[in-house]
Each structure stands twice: as structure tokens, then as C-alpha cells.
Amino acid sequence: MAELPSDLHGRTCLVSGASTGIGLATAVALARRGARLWLVSRDPARGNEALEKVAAASRGDSRLERRRATRPTHTFLTATKN
């Protein structure tokens, strides 16, 4: 597995399945490196819990947003492109 760059400031990452498991671990790792994150979760309550965990891991300068996907991810990405 490739290593992530240590500094991801200025980068935006969308993490689907961010409320648990590998998605949550990925979001935390990206937040620690300074990335701006969009967390996608089908369950708003679990998404909010994940957002708190990711915010705690953040360097403090990451902008964190929670998005609820009600459509397939590729449709969600197209709709949020702008």
C-alpha cells in the first residue's frame, strides 16, 4: 500500500462510508494530514459521530463537512462538483 503524503493542506477528499470501519479510519488519517474532507454517510446520527471523531483528529485547520448520500456516489459527486 502506498503511503499518503504527510501534508494534504489544499486538498479536498470525499470519503464514502465514513461513519465506520475503513471509511472512518481513512477520514481520520486524511484529517491528521490537513485535508479538507467531505464525509458521506447514509445514517445522519453515525455521520455526526464520525464527524466529531474526525474533527478531534484534525490539525485544526481542516474544513470538515458531512454530506448524506441518498443517490449513488457517482451521481452525488456530479451534483456536488460545483
C-alpha atoms as a PDB file:
ATOM      1  CA  MET A   1       0.000   0.000   0.000  1.00  0.00           C
ATOM      2  CA  ALA A   2       1.299   3.442  -0.917  1.00  0.00           C
ATOM      3  CA  GLU A   3       1.970   5.958   1.825  1.00  0.00           C
ATOM      4  CA  LEU A   4      -0.096   9.134   1.961  1.00  0.00           C
ATOM      5  CA  PRO A   5       1.743  12.431   1.617  1.00  0.00           C
ATOM      6  CA  SER A   6       2.360  13.946   5.050  1.00  0.00           C
ATOM      7  CA  ASP A   7       0.813  17.302   4.096  1.00  0.00           C
ATOM      8  CA  LEU A   8      -2.563  17.388   2.383  1.00  0.00           C
ATOM      9  CA  HIS A   9      -3.411  21.061   3.008  1.00  0.00           C
ATOM     10  CA  GLY A  10      -5.208  22.483  -0.014  1.00  0.00           C
ATOM     11  CA  ARG A  11      -6.556  19.056  -0.990  1.00  0.00           C
ATOM     12  CA  THR A  12     -10.194  18.030  -0.777  1.00  0.00           C
ATOM     13  CA  CYS A  13     -11.095  14.401  -0.193  1.00  0.00           C
ATOM     14  CA  LEU A  14     -14.501  12.740  -0.261  1.00  0.00           C
ATOM     15  CA  VAL A  15     -14.754   9.646   1.921  1.00  0.00           C
ATOM     16  CA  SER A  16     -17.778   7.420   1.413  1.00  0.00           C
ATOM     17  CA  GLY A  17     -18.721   5.031   4.182  1.00  0.00           C
ATOM     18  CA  ALA A  18     -17.038   7.441   6.565  1.00  0.00           C
ATOM     19  CA  SER A  19     -19.106   6.593   9.625  1.00  0.00           C
ATOM     20  CA  THR A  20     -17.423   3.268  10.465  1.00  0.00           C
ATOM     21  CA  GLY A  21     -14.607   0.877   9.699  1.00  0.00           C
ATOM     22  CA  ILE A  22     -12.153   1.554   6.889  1.00  0.00           C
ATOM     23  CA  GLY A  23     -14.000   4.717   5.811  1.00  0.00           C
ATOM     24  CA  LEU A  24     -13.706   6.247   9.278  1.00  0.00           C
ATOM     25  CA  ALA A  25     -10.045   5.220   9.602  1.00  0.00           C
ATOM     26  CA  THR A  26      -9.343   6.771   6.189  1.00  0.00           C
ATOM     27  CA  ALA A  27     -11.097  10.011   7.141  1.00  0.00           C
ATOM     28  CA  VAL A  28      -9.113  10.256  10.394  1.00  0.00           C
ATOM     29  CA  ALA A  29      -5.815   9.643   8.568  1.00  0.00           C
ATOM     30  CA  LEU A  30      -6.618  12.310   5.971  1.00  0.00           C
ATOM     31  CA  ALA A  31      -7.698  14.811   8.665  1.00  0.00           C
ATOM     32  CA  ARG A  32      -4.427  14.314  10.538  1.00  0.00           C
ATOM     33  CA  ARG A  33      -2.644  15.325   7.344  1.00  0.00           C
ATOM     34  CA  GLY A  34      -4.691  18.516   6.941  1.00  0.00           C
ATOM     35  CA  ALA A  35      -7.083  17.578   4.127  1.00  0.00           C
ATOM     36  CA  ARG A  36     -10.473  19.231   3.729  1.00  0.00           C
ATOM     37  CA  LEU A  37     -12.998  16.418   3.993  1.00  0.00           C
ATOM     38  CA  TRP A  38     -16.486  15.633   2.813  1.00  0.00           C
ATOM     39  CA  LEU A  39     -17.763  12.712   4.843  1.00  0.00           C
ATOM     40  CA  VAL A  40     -20.514  10.678   3.205  1.00  0.00           C
ATOM     41  CA  SER A  41     -22.757   8.596   5.431  1.00  0.00           C
ATOM     42  CA  ARG A  42     -26.235   7.147   4.915  1.00  0.00           C
ATOM     43  CA  ASP A  43     -27.023   7.408   8.629  1.00  0.00           C
ATOM     44  CA  PRO A  44     -27.025  11.031   9.869  1.00  0.00           C
ATOM     45  CA  ALA A  45     -26.520  10.067  13.531  1.00  0.00           C
ATOM     46  CA  ARG A  46     -23.498   7.878  12.789  1.00  0.00           C
ATOM     47  CA  GLY A  47     -22.237  10.505  10.366  1.00  0.00           C
ATOM     48  CA  ASN A  48     -22.316  13.125  13.129  1.00  0.00           C
ATOM     49  CA  GLU A  49     -20.429  10.790  15.478  1.00  0.00           C
ATOM     50  CA  ALA A  50     -17.814  10.229  12.788  1.00  0.00           C
ATOM     51  CA  LEU A  51     -17.539  13.966  12.184  1.00  0.00           C
ATOM     52  CA  GLU A  52     -16.738  14.512  15.871  1.00  0.00           C
ATOM     53  CA  LYS A  53     -14.019  11.812  15.768  1.00  0.00           C
ATOM     54  CA  VAL A  54     -12.518  13.233  12.588  1.00  0.00           C
ATOM     55  CA  ALA A  55     -12.634  16.793  13.951  1.00  0.00           C
ATOM     56  CA  ALA A  56     -10.761  15.627  17.062  1.00  0.00           C
ATOM     57  CA  ALA A  57      -8.036  14.122  14.850  1.00  0.00           C
ATOM     58  CA  SER A  58      -7.789  17.194  12.627  1.00  0.00           C
ATOM     59  CA  ARG A  59      -4.890  19.604  12.801  1.00  0.00           C
ATOM     60  CA  GLY A  60      -7.473  22.269  13.474  1.00  0.00           C
ATOM     61  CA  ASP A  61      -7.253  23.894  10.062  1.00  0.00           C
ATOM     62  CA  SER A  62      -9.249  21.308   8.129  1.00  0.00           C
ATOM     63  CA  ARG A  63     -12.710  22.175   6.945  1.00  0.00           C
ATOM     64  CA  LEU A  64     -14.982  19.265   7.653  1.00  0.00           C
ATOM     65  CA  GLU A  65     -18.371  18.791   6.053  1.00  0.00           C
ATOM     66  CA  ARG A  66     -20.870  15.995   6.414  1.00  0.00           C
ATOM     67  CA  ARG A  67     -22.890  15.004   3.381  1.00  0.00           C
ATOM     68  CA  ARG A  68     -25.680  12.468   3.302  1.00  0.00           C
ATOM     69  CA  ALA A  69     -25.710  10.388   0.140  1.00  0.00           C
ATOM     70  CA  THR A  70     -29.191   9.444  -0.966  1.00  0.00           C
ATOM     71  CA  ARG A  71     -28.085   8.659  -4.502  1.00  0.00           C
ATOM     72  CA  PRO A  72     -25.260   6.534  -5.903  1.00  0.00           C
ATOM     73  CA  THR A  73     -21.860   8.090  -5.163  1.00  0.00           C
ATOM     74  CA  HIS A  74     -21.082   8.937  -8.799  1.00  0.00           C
ATOM     75  CA  THR A  75     -24.356  10.895  -9.059  1.00  0.00           C
ATOM     76  CA  PHE A  76     -23.562  12.592  -5.735  1.00  0.00           C
ATOM     77  CA  LEU A  77     -20.116  13.603  -6.993  1.00  0.00           C
ATOM     78  CA  THR A  78     -21.527  15.060 -10.193  1.00  0.00           C
ATOM     79  CA  ALA A  79     -24.148  17.037  -8.270  1.00  0.00           C
ATOM     80  CA  THR A  80     -21.595  18.492  -5.811  1.00  0.00           C
ATOM     81  CA  LYS A  81     -18.900  19.208  -8.381  1.00  0.00           C
ATOM     82  CA  ASN A  82     -19.562  22.948  -8.293  1.00  0.00           C
END
